N, C-alpha and C. Protein backbone atom coordinates (compact mmCIF):
# COMPACT_ATOMS: atom_id res chain seq x y z
N UNK A 1 -62.43 29.65 63.67
CA UNK A 1 -62.13 30.27 62.36
C UNK A 1 -63.06 31.29 61.74
N UNK A 2 -62.11 32.28 62.18
CA UNK A 2 -62.63 33.74 62.04
C UNK A 2 -63.52 34.32 60.72
N UNK A 3 -63.19 33.43 59.60
CA UNK A 3 -64.12 33.66 58.58
C UNK A 3 -65.40 32.32 58.43
N UNK A 4 -66.21 32.07 59.46
CA UNK A 4 -66.75 30.85 59.86
C UNK A 4 -68.23 31.40 59.00
N UNK A 5 -68.91 32.74 59.34
CA UNK A 5 -69.80 33.04 59.05
C UNK A 5 -70.03 33.51 57.37
N UNK A 6 -68.94 33.92 57.02
CA UNK A 6 -68.77 33.96 55.56
C UNK A 6 -68.61 32.76 54.87
N UNK A 7 -68.24 31.95 55.35
CA UNK A 7 -68.11 30.27 54.41
C UNK A 7 -69.25 29.89 54.74
N UNK A 8 -69.66 30.23 55.96
CA UNK A 8 -71.57 29.55 55.92
C UNK A 8 -72.31 30.18 54.84
N UNK A 9 -72.37 31.65 54.88
CA UNK A 9 -73.19 32.34 53.95
C UNK A 9 -72.97 31.73 52.54
N UNK A 10 -71.81 31.46 52.03
CA UNK A 10 -71.20 30.93 50.62
C UNK A 10 -71.92 29.63 50.79
N UNK A 11 -71.72 28.55 51.76
CA UNK A 11 -71.97 27.21 51.79
C UNK A 11 -73.88 27.51 51.67
N UNK A 12 -74.46 27.79 52.29
CA UNK A 12 -75.97 27.96 52.45
C UNK A 12 -76.34 28.42 51.14
N UNK A 13 -75.85 29.25 50.07
CA UNK A 13 -76.38 29.73 49.08
C UNK A 13 -75.96 29.27 47.93
N UNK A 14 -75.15 28.10 48.00
CA UNK A 14 -74.85 27.28 46.76
C UNK A 14 -75.91 26.21 46.13
N UNK A 15 -75.90 26.42 44.96
CA UNK A 15 -77.11 25.37 44.56
C UNK A 15 -77.27 23.89 44.84
N UNK A 16 -75.85 23.88 45.39
CA UNK A 16 -75.39 22.33 45.63
C UNK A 16 -75.97 21.82 47.25
N UNK A 17 -76.36 23.01 47.76
CA UNK A 17 -76.37 22.88 49.18
C UNK A 17 -77.82 21.98 49.46
N UNK A 18 -77.87 21.07 50.21
CA UNK A 18 -79.12 20.68 51.16
C UNK A 18 -79.74 21.00 52.15
N UNK A 19 -80.68 21.71 52.48
CA UNK A 19 -80.69 22.21 54.03
C UNK A 19 -80.96 20.72 54.69
N UNK A 20 -80.27 20.98 55.80
CA UNK A 20 -80.38 20.35 57.33
C UNK A 20 -80.18 20.89 58.53
N UNK A 21 -80.63 20.29 59.11
CA UNK A 21 -80.49 20.92 60.47
C UNK A 21 -79.06 20.91 61.12
N UNK A 22 -78.36 22.04 61.52
CA UNK A 22 -77.11 22.70 62.14
C UNK A 22 -76.87 22.18 63.28
N UNK A 23 -76.07 21.63 63.91
CA UNK A 23 -75.48 21.64 65.36
C UNK A 23 -74.44 22.12 65.57
N UNK A 24 -74.73 23.43 66.43
CA UNK A 24 -73.45 24.45 66.72
C UNK A 24 -72.88 23.52 68.18
N UNK A 25 -71.68 23.57 68.33
CA UNK A 25 -71.01 22.77 69.40
C UNK A 25 -70.97 21.84 69.96
N UNK A 26 -70.52 20.49 68.67
CA UNK A 26 -70.66 19.60 68.98
C UNK A 26 -69.59 18.90 68.88
N UNK A 27 -68.77 19.32 68.46
CA UNK A 27 -67.36 18.87 68.42
C UNK A 27 -66.16 19.81 69.59
N UNK A 28 -66.65 21.02 69.58
CA UNK A 28 -65.67 21.93 70.48
C UNK A 28 -67.15 22.70 70.96
N UNK A 29 -66.78 23.57 72.31
CA UNK A 29 -68.00 24.24 72.92
C UNK A 29 -67.71 25.65 71.91
N UNK A 30 -68.62 26.17 71.32
CA UNK A 30 -68.80 27.54 70.56
C UNK A 30 -68.74 28.60 71.49
N UNK A 31 -68.70 28.65 72.65
CA UNK A 31 -68.89 29.83 73.41
C UNK A 31 -67.67 29.62 74.54
N UNK A 32 -66.58 29.12 73.74
CA UNK A 32 -65.15 29.31 74.82
C UNK A 32 -64.75 30.94 75.10
N UNK A 33 -64.09 31.04 76.00
CA UNK A 33 -63.81 32.50 76.24
C UNK A 33 -63.21 33.41 75.21
N UNK A 34 -62.87 32.90 74.12
CA UNK A 34 -62.05 33.85 72.88
C UNK A 34 -63.49 34.45 72.63
N UNK A 35 -64.44 33.65 72.31
CA UNK A 35 -65.87 34.13 71.78
C UNK A 35 -66.34 35.45 72.24
N UNK A 36 -65.78 35.89 73.67
CA UNK A 36 -66.49 37.14 73.99
C UNK A 36 -65.95 38.39 73.16
N UNK A 37 -64.93 37.96 72.66
CA UNK A 37 -63.53 39.07 72.02
C UNK A 37 -63.98 38.73 70.45
N UNK A 38 -64.09 37.49 70.14
CA UNK A 38 -64.01 37.23 68.72
C UNK A 38 -65.75 37.21 68.03
N UNK A 39 -66.54 37.03 68.63
CA UNK A 39 -68.04 37.16 68.00
C UNK A 39 -68.24 36.06 66.87
N UNK A 40 -67.54 35.12 66.94
CA UNK A 40 -67.56 33.94 65.81
C UNK A 40 -68.93 33.40 65.79
N UNK A 41 -69.29 33.22 66.70
CA UNK A 41 -70.59 32.28 66.84
C UNK A 41 -71.77 33.05 66.72
N UNK A 42 -71.84 34.04 67.39
CA UNK A 42 -72.83 35.32 66.76
C UNK A 42 -73.05 35.74 65.29
N UNK A 43 -71.68 35.80 64.95
CA UNK A 43 -71.65 35.85 63.17
C UNK A 43 -72.74 34.95 62.73
N UNK A 44 -72.59 33.44 63.07
CA UNK A 44 -72.46 32.23 62.49
C UNK A 44 -74.44 32.18 62.50
N UNK A 45 -74.31 32.69 64.10
CA UNK A 45 -76.60 32.63 64.38
C UNK A 45 -77.15 33.49 63.38
N UNK A 46 -76.18 34.98 63.41
CA UNK A 46 -76.54 36.02 62.60
C UNK A 46 -76.64 35.63 61.07
N UNK A 47 -75.84 34.73 60.41
CA UNK A 47 -76.11 34.09 59.17
C UNK A 47 -77.15 33.15 59.16
N UNK A 48 -77.38 32.07 60.10
CA UNK A 48 -78.62 31.37 60.03
C UNK A 48 -79.90 32.06 60.62
N UNK A 49 -79.89 32.84 60.94
CA UNK A 49 -81.15 33.32 61.11
C UNK A 49 -81.83 34.40 59.67
N UNK A 50 -80.99 35.22 58.90
CA UNK A 50 -81.14 35.47 57.79
C UNK A 50 -81.32 34.88 56.89
N UNK A 51 -80.95 33.29 56.81
CA UNK A 51 -81.39 32.58 56.05
C UNK A 51 -82.84 31.79 56.14
N UNK A 52 -82.94 31.82 57.68
CA UNK A 52 -84.33 31.09 58.35
C UNK A 52 -83.85 29.73 58.32
N UNK A 53 -82.59 29.31 58.54
CA UNK A 53 -82.07 28.06 58.71
C UNK A 53 -82.17 27.46 60.11
N UNK A 54 -82.86 26.20 60.01
CA UNK A 54 -82.67 25.27 61.58
C UNK A 54 -81.48 24.81 61.78
N UNK A 55 -81.08 25.55 63.64
CA UNK A 55 -80.29 25.10 63.82
C UNK A 55 -80.50 24.71 65.68
N UNK A 56 -78.95 23.91 66.17
CA UNK A 56 -79.23 24.05 67.39
C UNK A 56 -77.84 24.33 68.13
N UNK A 57 -77.81 24.34 68.86
CA UNK A 57 -76.45 24.81 70.14
C UNK A 57 -76.35 23.68 70.88
N UNK A 58 -75.20 23.18 71.45
CA UNK A 58 -75.01 22.39 72.93
C UNK A 58 -73.60 23.34 73.18
N UNK A 59 -73.77 23.83 74.69
CA UNK A 59 -72.66 23.96 75.20
C UNK A 59 -72.72 24.11 76.96
N UNK A 60 -71.66 24.26 77.36
CA UNK A 60 -71.52 24.68 78.94
C UNK A 60 -71.50 25.66 79.49
N UNK A 61 -71.65 26.75 78.53
CA UNK A 61 -71.30 28.48 78.71
C UNK A 61 -72.65 28.67 79.28
N UNK A 62 -72.62 30.01 79.55
CA UNK A 62 -73.98 30.84 80.31
C UNK A 62 -73.40 31.68 78.96
N UNK A 63 -72.78 31.63 78.27
CA UNK A 63 -72.37 32.90 77.01
C UNK A 63 -73.28 32.46 76.00
N UNK A 64 -73.91 31.90 75.88
CA UNK A 64 -75.05 31.27 75.05
C UNK A 64 -76.46 32.84 75.32
N UNK A 65 -76.27 32.94 76.70
CA UNK A 65 -77.20 34.00 76.95
C UNK A 65 -77.17 35.03 76.10
N UNK A 66 -75.99 35.63 75.42
CA UNK A 66 -75.97 36.96 74.99
C UNK A 66 -76.45 36.67 73.89
N UNK A 67 -76.45 35.92 72.89
CA UNK A 67 -77.19 35.64 71.73
C UNK A 67 -78.40 35.43 71.50
N UNK A 68 -79.66 35.26 72.75
CA UNK A 68 -81.04 35.37 73.18
C UNK A 68 -81.72 36.01 71.93
N UNK A 69 -81.02 37.14 71.85
CA UNK A 69 -82.25 38.01 70.74
C UNK A 69 -82.04 37.47 69.62
N UNK A 70 -81.17 36.64 69.31
CA UNK A 70 -81.12 36.02 67.63
C UNK A 70 -81.78 34.52 68.03
N UNK A 71 -81.62 34.17 68.93
CA UNK A 71 -81.93 32.42 68.95
C UNK A 71 -83.30 32.44 69.18
N UNK A 72 -84.08 33.18 70.20
CA UNK A 72 -85.28 33.15 70.71
C UNK A 72 -86.31 33.25 69.75
N UNK A 73 -86.21 34.26 68.72
CA UNK A 73 -87.28 34.70 67.32
C UNK A 73 -86.67 33.18 66.46
N UNK A 74 -85.97 32.96 66.32
CA UNK A 74 -85.57 31.74 65.77
C UNK A 74 -86.69 29.99 66.50
N UNK A 75 -86.56 30.51 67.59
CA UNK A 75 -87.04 29.50 68.30
C UNK A 75 -88.18 29.40 68.27
N UNK A 76 -89.24 30.77 68.36
CA UNK A 76 -90.45 30.97 67.99
C UNK A 76 -91.13 30.10 66.63
N UNK A 77 -90.16 30.07 65.83
CA UNK A 77 -90.53 29.67 64.58
C UNK A 77 -90.33 28.13 64.72
N UNK A 78 -89.34 27.76 65.57
CA UNK A 78 -89.65 26.37 65.65
C UNK A 78 -87.91 26.23 64.73
N UNK A 79 -87.14 26.93 64.54
CA UNK A 79 -86.08 26.98 64.32
C UNK A 79 -84.88 26.82 64.99
N UNK A 80 -84.85 26.34 66.42
CA UNK A 80 -83.41 27.00 67.27
C UNK A 80 -83.99 26.02 68.25
N UNK A 81 -82.68 25.36 69.10
CA UNK A 81 -82.86 24.86 70.36
C UNK A 81 -81.92 24.94 70.98
N UNK A 82 -81.61 25.08 72.20
CA UNK A 82 -80.30 24.81 72.80
C UNK A 82 -79.86 23.75 73.76
N UNK A 83 -79.18 22.99 73.96
CA UNK A 83 -79.04 21.86 74.89
C UNK A 83 -77.67 22.32 75.93
N UNK A 84 -77.81 22.80 76.91
CA UNK A 84 -76.39 23.01 78.15
C UNK A 84 -76.33 21.59 78.48
N UNK A 85 -74.82 20.93 78.37
CA UNK A 85 -74.16 20.24 79.03
C UNK A 85 -73.92 20.37 80.64
N UNK A 86 -74.31 19.16 81.15
CA UNK A 86 -74.58 19.51 82.91
C UNK A 86 -73.95 18.43 83.37
N UNK A 87 -72.65 17.79 83.59
CA UNK A 87 -72.02 16.64 83.84
C UNK A 87 -72.27 16.36 85.33
N UNK A 88 -72.27 17.29 86.11
CA UNK A 88 -72.72 17.16 87.65
C UNK A 88 -73.40 17.83 88.30
N UNK A 89 -73.93 17.81 89.29
CA UNK A 89 -74.82 18.95 90.30
C UNK A 89 -73.72 19.38 91.49
N UNK A 90 -72.87 18.72 91.56
CA UNK A 90 -71.75 18.75 92.68
C UNK A 90 -70.85 19.43 92.50
N UNK A 91 -71.06 20.69 93.04
CA UNK A 91 -69.58 22.02 92.91
C UNK A 91 -68.08 21.76 92.96
N UNK A 92 -67.72 20.79 93.58
CA UNK A 92 -66.57 20.41 94.01
C UNK A 92 -66.35 19.79 92.61
N UNK A 93 -66.76 18.70 92.70
CA UNK A 93 -66.83 17.39 91.29
C UNK A 93 -66.75 18.10 90.07
N UNK A 94 -67.75 19.34 90.07
CA UNK A 94 -67.81 19.75 88.68
C UNK A 94 -66.26 20.79 88.52
N UNK A 95 -66.01 21.50 89.59
CA UNK A 95 -64.12 21.83 89.72
C UNK A 95 -62.98 20.89 89.12
N UNK A 96 -63.50 19.86 89.72
CA UNK A 96 -62.38 18.34 89.06
C UNK A 96 -62.72 18.22 87.83
N UNK A 97 -63.95 17.48 86.96
CA UNK A 97 -64.09 17.19 85.91
C UNK A 97 -63.95 18.57 84.96
N UNK A 98 -64.35 19.62 85.14
CA UNK A 98 -64.18 20.80 84.44
C UNK A 98 -64.18 21.98 84.89
N UNK A 99 -62.82 22.23 85.21
CA UNK A 99 -62.19 23.51 86.03
C UNK A 99 -62.48 24.71 85.36
N UNK A 100 -62.60 24.97 83.96
CA UNK A 100 -63.23 26.25 83.26
C UNK A 100 -64.42 26.60 82.60
N UNK A 101 -65.48 25.82 83.40
CA UNK A 101 -66.56 25.65 82.84
C UNK A 101 -67.44 26.66 84.03
N UNK A 102 -68.07 26.81 83.27
CA UNK A 102 -69.32 27.42 84.53
C UNK A 102 -70.03 26.36 85.39
N UNK A 103 -70.34 26.95 86.40
CA UNK A 103 -70.90 25.58 87.51
C UNK A 103 -72.19 25.31 87.31
N UNK A 104 -72.61 24.30 87.91
CA UNK A 104 -73.58 23.84 87.14
C UNK A 104 -75.06 24.54 88.09
N UNK A 105 -74.81 25.31 89.13
CA UNK A 105 -75.65 25.84 88.96
C UNK A 105 -75.72 27.44 88.16
N UNK A 106 -74.89 27.55 87.78
CA UNK A 106 -75.12 28.91 86.55
C UNK A 106 -75.45 27.79 85.14
N UNK A 107 -75.28 26.98 85.37
CA UNK A 107 -75.87 26.41 83.99
C UNK A 107 -77.46 26.22 84.06
N UNK A 108 -77.80 25.68 85.05
CA UNK A 108 -79.44 25.30 85.74
C UNK A 108 -79.84 26.56 85.04
N UNK A 109 -79.05 28.06 85.63
CA UNK A 109 -79.42 29.30 85.48
C UNK A 109 -79.99 29.50 84.04
N UNK A 110 -78.89 29.46 83.00
CA UNK A 110 -78.94 29.46 81.68
C UNK A 110 -80.28 28.70 81.42
N UNK A 111 -79.83 27.40 81.53
CA UNK A 111 -81.25 26.79 80.92
C UNK A 111 -82.80 27.62 81.20
N UNK A 112 -82.62 27.83 82.77
CA UNK A 112 -84.28 28.72 82.89
C UNK A 112 -84.07 29.75 81.99
N UNK A 113 -83.17 30.66 81.75
CA UNK A 113 -83.22 32.10 80.82
C UNK A 113 -83.50 31.35 79.64
N UNK A 114 -83.05 30.62 78.84
CA UNK A 114 -83.39 30.15 77.62
C UNK A 114 -85.18 29.82 77.76
N UNK A 115 -85.27 28.81 78.21
CA UNK A 115 -86.73 28.54 78.48
C UNK A 115 -87.96 29.53 78.98
N UNK A 116 -87.28 30.72 79.59
CA UNK A 116 -88.23 31.46 79.79
C UNK A 116 -88.40 32.62 78.42
N UNK A 117 -87.15 32.44 77.85
CA UNK A 117 -87.60 33.25 76.63
C UNK A 117 -87.86 32.41 75.36
N UNK A 118 -88.72 30.99 75.61
CA UNK A 118 -89.03 30.53 74.66
C UNK A 118 -88.65 29.52 73.76
N UNK A 119 -87.00 29.49 74.44
CA UNK A 119 -86.37 28.47 73.08
C UNK A 119 -86.44 27.21 73.90
N UNK A 120 -86.77 26.16 73.13
CA UNK A 120 -86.39 24.64 73.79
C UNK A 120 -85.48 24.23 73.79
N UNK A 121 -85.59 23.71 74.87
CA UNK A 121 -83.96 23.41 75.49
C UNK A 121 -83.97 21.98 76.20
N UNK A 122 -82.68 21.39 76.03
CA UNK A 122 -82.51 20.14 76.64
C UNK A 122 -81.21 19.97 77.37
N UNK A 123 -80.97 19.10 78.29
CA UNK A 123 -79.77 18.71 78.61
C UNK A 123 -78.98 17.70 78.40
N UNK A 124 -77.81 17.83 78.07
CA UNK A 124 -76.73 16.77 77.61
C UNK A 124 -76.05 16.00 79.21
N UNK A 125 -76.22 15.19 79.44
CA UNK A 125 -75.53 14.57 80.66
C UNK A 125 -74.41 13.64 80.13
N UNK A 126 -73.24 14.57 79.65
CA UNK A 126 -72.10 14.03 78.67
C UNK A 126 -70.50 14.19 79.15
N UNK A 127 -69.75 13.51 79.38
CA UNK A 127 -70.08 12.38 79.64
C UNK A 127 -70.10 11.69 80.59
N UNK A 128 -70.83 10.67 80.37
CA UNK A 128 -71.63 9.55 81.97
C UNK A 128 -70.43 8.75 82.12
N UNK A 129 -69.58 9.25 83.61
CA UNK A 129 -68.57 8.41 84.24
C UNK A 129 -68.83 7.33 85.27
N UNK A 130 -68.69 5.97 84.55
CA UNK A 130 -69.29 4.90 85.92
C UNK A 130 -68.45 5.58 86.88
N UNK A 131 -69.85 5.62 87.93
CA UNK A 131 -68.94 5.31 89.48
C UNK A 131 -68.62 6.89 89.85
N UNK A 132 -68.36 7.92 88.88
CA UNK A 132 -67.99 9.19 89.13
C UNK A 132 -69.40 10.02 88.88
N UNK A 133 -69.76 10.43 87.74
CA UNK A 133 -71.02 10.77 87.90
C UNK A 133 -72.51 10.46 87.48
N UNK A 134 -72.18 9.07 87.12
CA UNK A 134 -73.33 8.10 86.97
C UNK A 134 -74.37 8.08 88.01
N UNK A 135 -73.97 7.96 88.91
CA UNK A 135 -75.26 7.84 90.16
C UNK A 135 -76.12 9.36 90.57
N UNK A 136 -75.43 10.29 89.66
CA UNK A 136 -76.72 11.71 90.29
C UNK A 136 -77.51 11.75 88.30
N UNK A 137 -77.56 11.06 87.67
CA UNK A 137 -78.17 11.25 86.32
C UNK A 137 -79.31 11.67 86.79
N UNK A 138 -80.23 10.87 87.38
CA UNK A 138 -81.51 10.95 87.86
C UNK A 138 -81.75 12.55 88.35
N UNK A 139 -80.59 13.11 89.37
CA UNK A 139 -81.37 14.38 89.80
C UNK A 139 -80.69 15.38 88.78
N UNK A 140 -79.58 15.43 88.03
CA UNK A 140 -79.58 16.63 86.96
C UNK A 140 -80.83 16.26 86.04
N UNK A 141 -81.14 15.21 85.74
CA UNK A 141 -82.31 15.21 85.20
C UNK A 141 -83.71 16.14 85.55
N UNK A 142 -83.77 15.72 87.15
CA UNK A 142 -84.54 16.44 87.82
C UNK A 142 -84.60 17.98 87.88
N UNK A 143 -83.25 18.27 88.28
CA UNK A 143 -82.92 19.80 88.32
C UNK A 143 -83.03 20.47 86.64
N UNK A 144 -82.90 19.73 86.22
CA UNK A 144 -83.07 20.35 84.12
C UNK A 144 -84.38 20.61 84.13
N UNK A 145 -85.00 19.38 84.04
CA UNK A 145 -86.65 19.75 84.27
C UNK A 145 -87.12 21.12 84.87
N UNK A 146 -86.69 20.92 85.62
CA UNK A 146 -87.00 22.17 87.01
C UNK A 146 -86.82 23.64 86.45
N UNK A 147 -85.52 23.53 85.64
CA UNK A 147 -84.98 24.82 85.17
C UNK A 147 -85.72 25.05 83.74
N UNK A 148 -86.35 23.95 83.22
CA UNK A 148 -86.96 24.27 81.60
C UNK A 148 -86.70 23.16 80.64
N UNK A 149 -85.81 22.43 80.79
CA UNK A 149 -85.19 21.51 79.96
C UNK A 149 -86.66 20.32 79.76
N UNK A 150 -86.59 20.05 78.54
CA UNK A 150 -87.80 19.42 77.98
C UNK A 150 -86.98 18.12 77.22
N UNK A 151 -86.12 17.91 77.04
CA UNK A 151 -85.22 17.00 76.42
C UNK A 151 -84.24 16.73 76.63
N UNK A 152 -83.19 15.64 76.69
CA UNK A 152 -82.08 14.97 77.33
C UNK A 152 -81.80 13.84 76.43
N UNK A 153 -80.35 13.86 77.01
CA UNK A 153 -79.19 13.08 76.20
C UNK A 153 -78.01 12.82 77.11
N UNK A 154 -77.21 11.49 76.72
CA UNK A 154 -76.10 11.44 77.48
C UNK A 154 -75.12 10.59 76.26
N UNK A 155 -73.80 10.66 76.50
CA UNK A 155 -73.04 9.97 76.07
C UNK A 155 -72.02 9.39 76.99
N UNK A 156 -71.54 8.07 77.01
CA UNK A 156 -70.98 7.27 77.64
C UNK A 156 -69.56 7.69 77.38
N UNK A 157 -68.74 7.69 78.51
CA UNK A 157 -67.23 8.34 78.45
C UNK A 157 -66.81 7.10 77.35
N UNK A 158 -66.18 7.75 76.35
CA UNK A 158 -65.18 7.50 75.07
C UNK A 158 -63.82 7.63 75.56
N UNK A 159 -63.06 6.65 75.32
CA UNK A 159 -61.56 6.72 75.72
C UNK A 159 -60.52 6.26 73.90
N UNK A 160 -60.93 7.46 73.03
CA UNK A 160 -59.98 7.03 71.73
C UNK A 160 -58.22 6.95 72.34
N UNK A 161 -57.64 6.33 71.27
CA UNK A 161 -56.57 5.71 72.07
C UNK A 161 -55.44 7.10 72.74
N UNK A 162 -55.43 8.32 72.13
CA UNK A 162 -54.75 9.38 72.50
C UNK A 162 -55.20 9.62 73.98
N UNK A 163 -57.01 9.85 74.26
CA UNK A 163 -57.05 10.07 75.07
C UNK A 163 -57.15 9.09 76.25
N UNK A 164 -57.18 7.97 76.12
CA UNK A 164 -56.80 7.10 77.21
C UNK A 164 -55.75 6.92 78.60
N UNK A 165 -54.53 7.30 77.82
CA UNK A 165 -53.75 7.14 78.94
C UNK A 165 -53.83 8.66 79.87
N UNK A 166 -54.06 10.00 79.23
CA UNK A 166 -54.50 10.99 79.99
C UNK A 166 -55.72 10.89 80.86
N UNK A 167 -56.57 10.20 80.67
CA UNK A 167 -57.78 10.09 81.20
C UNK A 167 -57.22 9.27 82.49
N UNK A 168 -56.52 8.35 81.98
CA UNK A 168 -56.12 7.26 83.30
C UNK A 168 -55.10 7.96 84.11
N UNK A 169 -54.49 8.73 83.94
CA UNK A 169 -53.28 9.89 84.70
C UNK A 169 -54.80 10.39 85.52
N UNK A 170 -55.69 11.11 84.71
CA UNK A 170 -56.45 12.12 85.55
C UNK A 170 -57.29 11.07 86.95
N UNK A 171 -57.67 9.80 86.29
CA UNK A 171 -58.42 9.58 87.12
C UNK A 171 -57.49 9.04 88.48
N UNK A 172 -56.15 8.43 88.28
CA UNK A 172 -55.40 7.96 89.57
C UNK A 172 -55.07 9.35 90.39
N UNK A 173 -55.08 10.46 89.57
CA UNK A 173 -54.78 11.81 90.16
C UNK A 173 -56.10 12.18 91.30
N UNK A 174 -57.26 11.88 90.79
CA UNK A 174 -58.57 12.54 91.46
C UNK A 174 -59.62 11.44 92.00
N UNK A 175 -59.58 10.32 91.43
CA UNK A 175 -60.16 8.71 92.33
C UNK A 175 -59.36 7.52 92.16
N UNK A 176 -58.21 8.04 93.03
CA UNK A 176 -57.25 6.69 92.84
C UNK A 176 -58.08 5.14 93.65
């Protein structure tokens, strides 16, 4: 939404708004390739910083590092945290699971850059796919902790009606 920052500013300034923690990227990654050109996520973070409004971000992208100049000061005030999604440490499996996402090693570097800048960081091991990435959860947690993550969560694979046949086809192709 190209007018997201403007709409956010309107919402935050409304008398009826009740302040609450906002999470950026829970429905879809806020650092998709188009963000490099559009800068919508950065504009949203600028509004949150201006309003001193707490937020968290979840992403698979190293693109979040671009906004460290905004995120780190908010983090120092206890108003920002970033979670990086890491589904596997295996680069080959990562290319199958998330072909257009940053490599697992690059995501760990992003965690380290965030932690080194004083941003509270965590790791999302999501989705957990039994027998595919589930056996390496402990290794992912160890690597993320070493990179600076101090929080973690996971979500087990869900297959809503429309997604189920697509996932079954993907499974048959890659893990018959």
